[in-house]
Amino acid sequence: MAASVHADQPRLIALLERLVNQNSGTMNFAGVEKVARMVRPEFEALGFTVTWKPMAAAGRAGHLMAEHRGKAGTKRLLLIGHLDTVFEPDQPFQTYVRQGDWAHGPGVADDKGGIVVILGALRAMAAAGTLRDANITVALTGDEESMGEPNDVARADLVEAAKRSDVALDFEGVVVVDGQDMGSVARRSSNSWKLETHGHGGHSSGIFTTEAGDGAIFELTRILAAFRSELPEPDLTFNVGVVAGGAQAAFNADETNASASGKTNIIPAIAVANGDFRTISPAQTARVRAKMQAIVARHAPGTDARISFGESYPAMAPTAGNRALLARLNMVNATLGWPAMPELPPIKRGAGDISFVAHLVDGLAGLGPQSTGDHGPEERVNLPSIERQGVRAALLLTSLSRDPSRLKRD
């Protein structure tokens, strides 16, 4: 299998170039579907049944689902990647460029490089005869970078696939620390919050009096300062994205911009802010929400405030099952004579699609290639890491596919 992955690299790199040169920004629905059509025959040639799942109901293009049925009673594996990128057609960053052992381009790593790793591993398994008996489902979502709504519609197919699986493996990029590939057994959640404060408008000469109170902006800054001093705990980050306040203040429709007006001699009547916070588990999410609500409720004189929350991605907690999968991957590394992969601190990894199924199956993240500059015009993928990760994946998938399934067949 290692020799097959090595021999396949020119073909895989050529495929990567074609995928990158086809724009598939999340909101470029036609482009996302074109990428799906480009990879569809690759899976079909390996004996997968491929289905396109339209996602008009969630306001997105759709997902590609590919299923390979093997030997009954053996472990079912779910491989997760995504077709879309953060780069829409109106952005200047559109073209694949090779620079020695690195390639530069939109989505070259996140996650078109991950798709190529999946295909390289599966092709190596086919060449070695180990794919024949393997039960594998591949889920390539079309909206990982900007998920459709509602969440339960946008991720219904992924969740259903996980219910039929024993293991989930995420092919976004491996994180490298001090030259060492790291194993990802956890991904943090992505939660949004929106804050609105109110005060008594009036002449500034009366501020802080019993009648006028502290005003909306002082109340907002009190709350934000308390967040900074009272919320910190391990594996938690929180951020303020936009702030506005004055006699009038409001967000735009998608809450990416805010406008405000006022005067220096008028006590501000309203202030708004939004942001996110990221946690390692549902319990931490609930705890942080409760702390934030308690801080907001301690109103300054003459003010009122309310906070609301939204969840984009749940957490993938570092469970014993996930750690057992990392140990299994390190058995592969030992077989290859490669160093063991230490556990990556969760704070070094963002949210991802595998988190939607982490409560259903054991999983590993970060099986895709090494990269730098993701989500920006400097995005680059380390081309030798595509081979390295493809070899690891082929051996890991082969090993896992021989284990007995915990599920009963329909």
Protein backbone atom coordinates (compact mmCIF):
# COMPACT_ATOMS: atom_id res chain seq x y z
CA MET A 1 0.00 0.00 0.00
CA ALA A 2 2.82 2.42 0.78
CA ALA A 3 4.37 1.69 -2.63
CA SER A 4 1.00 2.24 -4.31
CA VAL A 5 0.49 5.62 -2.65
CA HIS A 6 4.01 6.64 -3.67
CA ALA A 7 3.51 5.61 -7.31
CA ASP A 8 0.13 7.38 -7.42
CA GLN A 9 1.45 10.80 -6.37
CA PRO A 10 1.81 12.37 -9.84
CA ARG A 11 -1.78 11.43 -10.67
CA LEU A 12 -3.07 12.67 -7.33
CA ILE A 13 -1.20 15.98 -7.54
CA ALA A 14 -2.58 16.53 -11.05
CA LEU A 15 -6.09 15.89 -9.71
CA LEU A 16 -5.46 18.34 -6.86
CA GLU A 17 -4.50 21.02 -9.38
CA ARG A 18 -7.73 20.49 -11.34
CA LEU A 19 -9.82 20.62 -8.16
CA VAL A 20 -8.17 23.82 -6.93
CA ASN A 21 -8.58 25.58 -10.28
CA GLN A 22 -12.35 24.99 -10.09
CA ASN A 23 -13.70 27.61 -7.70
CA SER A 24 -15.98 26.11 -5.07
CA GLY A 25 -16.61 28.90 -2.61
CA THR A 26 -19.49 27.85 -0.39
CA MET A 27 -21.96 30.21 -2.04
CA ASN A 28 -20.83 29.26 -5.56
CA PHE A 29 -23.34 26.43 -5.74
CA ALA A 30 -22.53 25.54 -9.34
CA GLY A 31 -18.80 25.41 -8.50
CA VAL A 32 -19.34 23.15 -5.50
CA GLU A 33 -21.37 20.77 -7.63
CA LYS A 34 -18.71 20.82 -10.38
CA VAL A 35 -16.08 19.69 -7.86
CA ALA A 36 -18.43 16.92 -6.79
CA ARG A 37 -18.76 15.84 -10.42
CA MET A 38 -14.97 15.85 -10.77
CA VAL A 39 -14.43 13.44 -7.87
CA ARG A 40 -17.51 11.29 -8.42
CA PRO A 41 -15.91 9.03 -11.08
CA GLU A 42 -12.88 8.54 -8.83
CA PHE A 43 -15.09 6.90 -6.21
CA GLU A 44 -17.21 5.02 -8.73
CA ALA A 45 -14.10 3.48 -10.26
CA LEU A 46 -13.33 2.02 -6.82
CA GLY A 47 -16.75 0.39 -6.52
CA PHE A 48 -18.50 3.09 -4.48
CA THR A 49 -22.15 3.97 -5.00
CA VAL A 50 -22.23 7.77 -5.20
CA THR A 51 -25.20 10.00 -4.43
CA TRP A 52 -25.56 13.78 -4.71
CA LYS A 53 -27.69 15.21 -1.88
CA PRO A 54 -29.12 18.64 -2.85
CA MET A 55 -29.31 21.11 0.03
CA ALA A 56 -31.68 23.81 -1.28
CA ALA A 57 -33.68 23.38 1.93
CA ALA A 58 -30.64 24.61 3.88
CA GLY A 59 -29.70 27.31 1.38
CA ARG A 60 -26.59 25.51 0.13
CA ALA A 61 -25.40 23.46 -2.86
CA GLY A 62 -25.40 19.90 -1.50
CA HIS A 63 -23.26 17.00 -0.31
CA LEU A 64 -21.60 14.05 -2.04
CA MET A 65 -22.10 10.71 -0.30
CA ALA A 66 -20.20 7.62 -1.48
CA GLU A 67 -20.71 4.13 -0.04
CA HIS A 68 -18.67 0.96 -0.42
CA ARG A 69 -20.25 -2.23 0.90
CA GLY A 70 -17.89 -4.96 1.97
CA LYS A 71 -17.92 -7.92 4.31
CA ALA A 72 -20.89 -8.24 6.64
CA GLY A 73 -20.19 -7.91 10.35
CA THR A 74 -17.01 -5.83 10.04
CA LYS A 75 -16.44 -2.31 11.25
CA ARG A 76 -18.09 0.47 9.27
CA LEU A 77 -15.93 3.52 8.64
CA LEU A 78 -17.09 7.08 7.92
CA LEU A 79 -14.58 9.36 6.16
CA ILE A 80 -15.36 13.10 6.30
CA GLY A 81 -14.13 15.94 4.08
CA HIS A 82 -15.63 18.92 2.28
CA LEU A 83 -15.97 20.23 -1.27
CA ASP A 84 -16.29 23.95 -0.54
CA THR A 85 -13.71 26.62 0.30
CA VAL A 86 -13.83 30.08 1.87
CA PHE A 87 -12.82 31.67 -1.45
CA GLU A 88 -15.77 32.93 -3.51
CA PRO A 89 -15.49 33.72 -7.28
CA ASP A 90 -15.13 37.48 -6.69
CA GLN A 91 -11.87 37.06 -4.76
CA PRO A 92 -8.52 37.40 -6.56
CA PHE A 93 -7.05 34.18 -5.10
CA GLN A 94 -8.17 31.57 -7.65
CA THR A 95 -5.25 29.60 -9.13
CA TYR A 96 -3.08 26.60 -8.26
CA VAL A 97 0.67 27.28 -8.35
CA ARG A 98 3.34 24.69 -7.52
CA GLN A 99 6.41 25.92 -5.66
CA GLY A 100 8.75 22.95 -5.20
CA ASP A 101 7.43 20.73 -2.42
CA TRP A 102 4.60 23.17 -1.74
CA ALA A 103 1.51 24.14 -3.73
CA HIS A 104 -0.31 27.45 -3.35
CA GLY A 105 -4.00 27.91 -4.12
CA PRO A 106 -7.55 28.39 -2.78
CA GLY A 107 -8.57 25.31 -0.83
CA VAL A 108 -5.39 23.47 -1.84
CA ALA A 109 -5.21 22.13 1.71
CA ASP A 110 -8.63 22.90 3.18
CA ASP A 111 -10.01 20.60 2.02
CA LYS A 112 -9.17 19.61 -1.53
CA GLY A 113 -5.87 18.26 -0.26
CA GLY A 114 -7.87 16.17 2.22
CA ILE A 115 -10.05 14.76 -0.58
CA VAL A 116 -6.92 13.74 -2.49
CA VAL A 117 -5.55 11.97 0.62
CA ILE A 118 -8.81 10.00 0.90
CA LEU A 119 -8.64 8.95 -2.74
CA GLY A 120 -4.97 8.01 -2.50
CA ALA A 121 -5.62 5.79 0.51
CA LEU A 122 -8.63 4.09 -1.09
CA ARG A 123 -6.77 3.49 -4.36
CA ALA A 124 -3.89 1.91 -2.43
CA MET A 125 -6.33 -0.33 -0.58
CA ALA A 126 -7.87 -1.38 -3.89
CA ALA A 127 -4.44 -2.18 -5.32
CA ALA A 128 -3.63 -4.31 -2.27
CA GLY A 129 -7.02 -6.06 -2.23
CA THR A 130 -8.01 -4.71 1.20
CA LEU A 131 -10.78 -2.41 -0.06
CA ARG A 132 -12.88 -5.33 -1.29
CA ASP A 133 -14.15 -6.33 2.19
CA ALA A 134 -14.19 -2.84 3.72
CA ASN A 135 -17.44 -1.06 4.64
CA ILE A 136 -16.70 2.62 4.02
CA THR A 137 -18.88 5.70 3.62
CA VAL A 138 -17.33 8.95 2.39
CA ALA A 139 -19.18 12.19 3.22
CA LEU A 140 -17.99 15.32 1.39
CA THR A 141 -20.09 18.24 2.57
CA GLY A 142 -20.63 21.29 0.39
CA ASP A 143 -20.93 23.88 3.14
CA GLU A 144 -18.34 23.19 5.84
CA GLU A 145 -16.96 26.73 5.62
CA SER A 146 -20.39 28.40 5.94
CA MET A 147 -22.98 25.89 7.07
CA GLY A 148 -26.55 26.03 5.84
CA GLU A 149 -29.50 26.48 8.17
CA PRO A 150 -31.13 24.93 10.03
CA ASN A 151 -28.30 22.76 11.29
CA ASP A 152 -30.43 19.64 11.58
CA VAL A 153 -31.26 19.85 7.86
CA ALA A 154 -27.75 20.80 6.73
CA ARG A 155 -26.16 17.88 8.62
CA ALA A 156 -28.95 15.29 8.42
CA ASP A 157 -27.15 13.10 5.86
CA LEU A 158 -23.89 13.19 7.81
CA VAL A 159 -25.64 12.26 11.06
CA GLU A 160 -27.54 9.42 9.40
CA ALA A 161 -24.28 8.07 7.97
CA ALA A 162 -22.71 8.20 11.44
CA LYS A 163 -25.59 6.20 12.90
CA ARG A 164 -24.63 3.42 10.48
CA SER A 165 -20.92 3.68 11.32
CA ASP A 166 -18.52 2.55 14.04
CA VAL A 167 -15.72 5.09 13.47
CA ALA A 168 -15.51 8.61 11.99
CA LEU A 169 -12.27 9.95 10.48
CA ASP A 170 -11.89 13.61 9.54
CA PHE A 171 -9.57 14.50 6.65
CA GLU A 172 -8.92 18.14 7.35
CA GLY A 173 -5.25 19.00 7.76
CA VAL A 174 -2.81 17.50 10.23
CA VAL A 175 -1.33 20.00 12.69
CA VAL A 176 2.47 19.96 12.88
CA VAL A 177 4.19 21.23 16.04
CA ASP A 178 7.98 21.60 16.06
CA GLY A 179 8.24 19.29 13.07
CA GLN A 180 6.07 16.59 14.67
CA ASP A 181 2.74 15.43 13.20
CA MET A 182 0.10 15.56 15.94
CA GLY A 183 -2.97 13.40 16.53
CA SER A 184 -6.31 15.17 16.99
CA VAL A 185 -8.73 13.44 19.36
CA ALA A 186 -10.83 16.56 19.98
CA ARG A 187 -12.21 19.64 18.25
CA ARG A 188 -13.73 22.57 20.08
CA SER A 189 -17.23 23.92 19.51
CA SER A 190 -18.08 27.20 17.83
CA ASN A 191 -20.81 29.19 19.60
CA SER A 192 -22.00 32.72 18.87
CA TRP A 193 -23.36 35.34 21.25
CA LYS A 194 -25.13 38.68 20.78
CA LEU A 195 -25.37 41.36 23.46
CA GLU A 196 -27.65 44.39 23.61
CA THR A 197 -27.60 46.98 26.40
CA HIS A 198 -29.97 49.87 27.08
CA GLY A 199 -29.73 53.06 29.12
CA HIS A 200 -31.64 56.30 29.63
CA GLY A 201 -30.87 58.77 26.87
CA GLY A 202 -30.40 62.34 28.00
CA HIS A 203 -27.93 65.16 28.46
CA SER A 204 -24.42 63.98 29.34
CA SER A 205 -24.24 66.37 32.31
CA GLY A 206 -26.57 64.03 34.18
CA ILE A 207 -24.71 60.75 33.65
CA PHE A 208 -24.18 58.56 36.74
CA THR A 209 -27.01 60.27 38.60
CA THR A 210 -29.88 58.21 39.98
CA GLU A 211 -32.19 59.54 37.29
CA ALA A 212 -29.85 59.03 34.28
CA GLY A 213 -27.81 56.00 35.28
CA ASP A 214 -24.60 54.82 33.58
CA GLY A 215 -25.76 54.71 29.96
CA ALA A 216 -25.72 51.80 27.51
CA ILE A 217 -22.06 51.97 26.51
CA PHE A 218 -20.70 51.87 30.06
CA GLU A 219 -22.99 48.90 30.73
CA LEU A 220 -21.69 47.15 27.61
CA THR A 221 -18.06 47.76 28.54
CA ARG A 222 -18.73 46.59 32.12
CA ILE A 223 -20.01 43.31 30.76
CA LEU A 224 -17.15 42.81 28.30
CA ALA A 225 -14.54 43.61 30.97
CA ALA A 226 -16.18 41.07 33.29
CA PHE A 227 -16.11 38.46 30.53
CA ARG A 228 -12.36 39.02 30.20
CA SER A 229 -11.68 38.71 33.92
CA GLU A 230 -14.19 36.05 35.00
CA LEU A 231 -14.62 33.61 32.10
CA PRO A 232 -11.11 32.24 31.41
CA GLU A 233 -10.63 28.49 32.00
CA PRO A 234 -8.73 25.68 30.25
CA ASP A 235 -9.67 24.96 26.62
CA LEU A 236 -11.97 28.02 26.41
CA THR A 237 -11.53 30.99 24.09
CA PHE A 238 -13.98 33.85 23.61
CA ASN A 239 -13.92 36.84 21.32
CA VAL A 240 -15.72 40.12 20.63
CA GLY A 241 -16.29 40.61 16.91
CA VAL A 242 -18.25 43.86 16.48
CA VAL A 243 -19.20 46.67 18.90
CA ALA A 244 -21.37 49.75 18.32
CA GLY A 245 -23.25 52.18 20.58
CA GLY A 246 -24.84 55.61 20.78
CA ALA A 247 -28.21 57.27 20.69
CA GLN A 248 -28.98 54.69 18.00
CA ALA A 249 -27.19 51.43 17.13
CA ALA A 250 -28.08 48.31 15.15
CA PHE A 251 -26.57 45.33 13.33
CA ASN A 252 -27.09 44.66 9.65
CA ALA A 253 -29.07 41.58 8.56
CA ASP A 254 -26.24 39.05 8.84
CA GLU A 255 -24.65 40.74 11.88
CA THR A 256 -21.28 41.26 10.17
CA ASN A 257 -21.58 45.05 10.39
CA ALA A 258 -23.14 47.56 12.78
CA SER A 259 -24.01 51.24 12.54
CA ALA A 260 -24.36 53.82 15.32
CA SER A 261 -25.01 57.51 15.74
CA GLY A 262 -24.87 59.89 18.68
CA LYS A 263 -23.24 63.00 20.11
CA THR A 264 -20.64 63.61 22.76
CA ASN A 265 -23.19 65.38 24.98
CA ILE A 266 -25.89 62.67 24.77
CA ILE A 267 -25.97 59.65 27.08
CA PRO A 268 -26.07 56.59 24.78
CA ALA A 269 -29.39 54.77 24.88
CA ILE A 270 -28.26 51.56 23.16
CA ALA A 271 -25.13 49.52 22.53
CA VAL A 272 -24.65 46.20 20.74
CA ALA A 273 -21.87 43.64 20.47
CA ASN A 274 -21.40 40.13 19.14
CA GLY A 275 -18.73 37.47 19.26
CA ASP A 276 -18.02 33.79 19.70
CA PHE A 277 -16.78 31.32 22.29
CA ARG A 278 -15.28 27.88 21.81
CA THR A 279 -15.44 24.97 24.23
CA ILE A 280 -14.26 21.39 24.53
CA SER A 281 -17.53 19.78 25.71
CA PRO A 282 -21.28 20.39 26.07
CA ALA A 283 -20.75 20.71 29.83
CA GLN A 284 -18.24 23.51 29.33
CA THR A 285 -20.59 25.22 26.85
CA ALA A 286 -23.41 25.17 29.41
CA ARG A 287 -21.12 26.41 32.18
CA VAL A 288 -19.77 29.33 30.13
CA ARG A 289 -23.26 30.35 29.01
CA ALA A 290 -24.43 30.42 32.62
CA LYS A 291 -21.45 32.57 33.66
CA MET A 292 -22.09 35.01 30.82
CA GLN A 293 -25.77 35.27 31.71
CA ALA A 294 -24.93 35.94 35.34
CA ILE A 295 -22.50 38.71 34.38
CA VAL A 296 -25.07 40.31 32.09
CA ALA A 297 -27.70 40.22 34.85
CA ARG A 298 -25.61 42.37 37.21
CA HIS A 299 -26.93 45.57 35.65
CA ALA A 300 -25.20 48.90 36.27
CA PRO A 301 -27.50 51.65 37.62
CA GLY A 302 -30.20 52.76 35.19
CA THR A 303 -29.40 50.13 32.56
CA ASP A 304 -30.71 46.88 31.17
CA ALA A 305 -29.06 44.18 29.08
CA ARG A 306 -29.83 40.90 27.38
CA ILE A 307 -27.68 38.24 25.75
CA SER A 308 -28.65 35.55 23.24
CA PHE A 309 -26.69 32.55 21.99
CA GLY A 310 -26.34 30.47 18.85
CA GLU A 311 -24.44 27.26 18.16
CA SER A 312 -22.69 26.68 14.86
CA TYR A 313 -20.58 23.59 15.63
CA PRO A 314 -20.78 21.38 18.73
CA ALA A 315 -17.70 20.10 20.53
CA MET A 316 -15.84 16.86 19.87
CA ALA A 317 -14.67 15.92 23.36
CA PRO A 318 -11.40 13.98 23.92
CA THR A 319 -12.95 10.62 24.85
CA ALA A 320 -11.33 7.32 25.74
CA GLY A 321 -12.59 5.90 22.44
CA ASN A 322 -10.95 8.68 20.46
CA ARG A 323 -7.69 8.14 22.29
CA ALA A 324 -7.89 4.42 21.52
CA LEU A 325 -8.10 5.33 17.82
CA LEU A 326 -4.99 7.50 18.14
CA ALA A 327 -3.24 4.53 19.75
CA ARG A 328 -4.32 2.45 16.76
CA LEU A 329 -2.89 5.09 14.41
CA ASN A 330 0.36 5.00 16.36
CA MET A 331 0.50 1.23 15.79
CA VAL A 332 0.46 2.11 12.08
CA ASN A 333 3.27 4.61 12.66
CA ALA A 334 5.28 1.96 14.49
CA THR A 335 4.75 -0.48 11.61
CA LEU A 336 6.10 2.13 9.22
CA GLY A 337 9.04 2.97 11.50
CA TRP A 338 7.68 6.50 11.97
CA PRO A 339 7.49 8.46 15.24
CA ALA A 340 4.36 8.23 17.36
CA MET A 341 1.94 11.16 17.02
CA PRO A 342 1.37 12.95 20.35
CA GLU A 343 -2.09 14.21 21.26
CA LEU A 344 -2.72 17.74 19.99
CA PRO A 345 -4.02 20.23 22.60
CA PRO A 346 -7.62 20.97 21.56
CA ILE A 347 -7.06 24.72 21.73
CA LYS A 348 -4.87 24.42 18.62
CA ARG A 349 -7.73 23.08 16.47
CA GLY A 350 -10.93 24.80 15.30
CA ALA A 351 -14.42 23.44 14.78
CA GLY A 352 -15.32 20.95 12.05
CA ASP A 353 -17.97 18.63 10.64
CA ILE A 354 -16.84 15.60 12.65
CA SER A 355 -18.14 17.34 15.76
CA PHE A 356 -21.74 16.78 14.60
CA VAL A 357 -21.25 13.02 14.91
CA ALA A 358 -18.82 12.86 17.85
CA HIS A 359 -21.64 11.90 20.23
CA LEU A 360 -22.45 8.90 18.03
CA VAL A 361 -19.07 7.37 17.12
CA ASP A 362 -15.43 7.38 18.15
CA GLY A 363 -13.35 9.59 15.89
CA LEU A 364 -10.05 11.13 14.88
CA ALA A 365 -9.50 14.48 13.19
CA GLY A 366 -6.60 15.87 11.20
CA LEU A 367 -5.88 13.01 8.77
CA GLY A 368 -5.42 15.42 5.86
CA PRO A 369 -2.17 17.04 4.66
CA GLN A 370 0.07 19.58 6.36
CA SER A 371 -0.57 23.21 5.39
CA THR A 372 0.04 26.83 6.23
CA GLY A 373 -2.05 29.97 5.75
CA ASP A 374 -5.44 28.25 5.57
CA HIS A 375 -8.42 30.55 4.86
CA GLY A 376 -6.18 33.27 3.45
CA PRO A 377 -4.34 34.17 0.24
CA GLU A 378 -1.20 32.44 1.53
CA GLU A 379 -2.82 28.99 1.80
CA ARG A 380 -0.24 26.32 0.94
CA VAL A 381 -0.10 22.55 1.16
CA ASN A 382 3.01 20.46 1.75
CA LEU A 383 2.89 18.00 -1.16
CA PRO A 384 5.02 15.24 0.46
CA SER A 385 2.54 15.21 3.36
CA ILE A 386 -0.18 14.05 0.93
CA GLU A 387 1.80 10.85 0.45
CA ARG A 388 2.60 10.53 4.16
CA GLN A 389 -1.03 10.93 5.20
CA GLY A 390 -2.26 8.68 2.40
CA VAL A 391 -0.02 5.84 3.58
CA ARG A 392 -1.14 6.29 7.18
CA ALA A 393 -4.80 6.34 6.16
CA ALA A 394 -4.56 3.25 3.92
CA LEU A 395 -3.01 1.18 6.70
CA LEU A 396 -5.34 2.52 9.38
CA LEU A 397 -8.46 1.94 7.28
CA THR A 398 -7.32 -1.57 6.41
CA SER A 399 -6.63 -2.40 10.06
CA LEU A 400 -9.93 -0.98 11.33
CA SER A 401 -12.01 -2.55 8.56
CA ARG A 402 -11.09 -6.03 9.82
CA ASP A 403 -12.53 -5.45 13.30
CA PRO A 404 -16.03 -6.68 14.15
CA SER A 405 -18.81 -4.08 13.93
CA ARG A 406 -20.79 -3.10 17.01
CA LEU A 407 -23.83 -2.52 14.75
CA LYS A 408 -26.38 -4.97 13.37
CA ARG A 409 -27.10 -4.89 9.67
CA ASP A 410 -30.58 -3.81 8.60
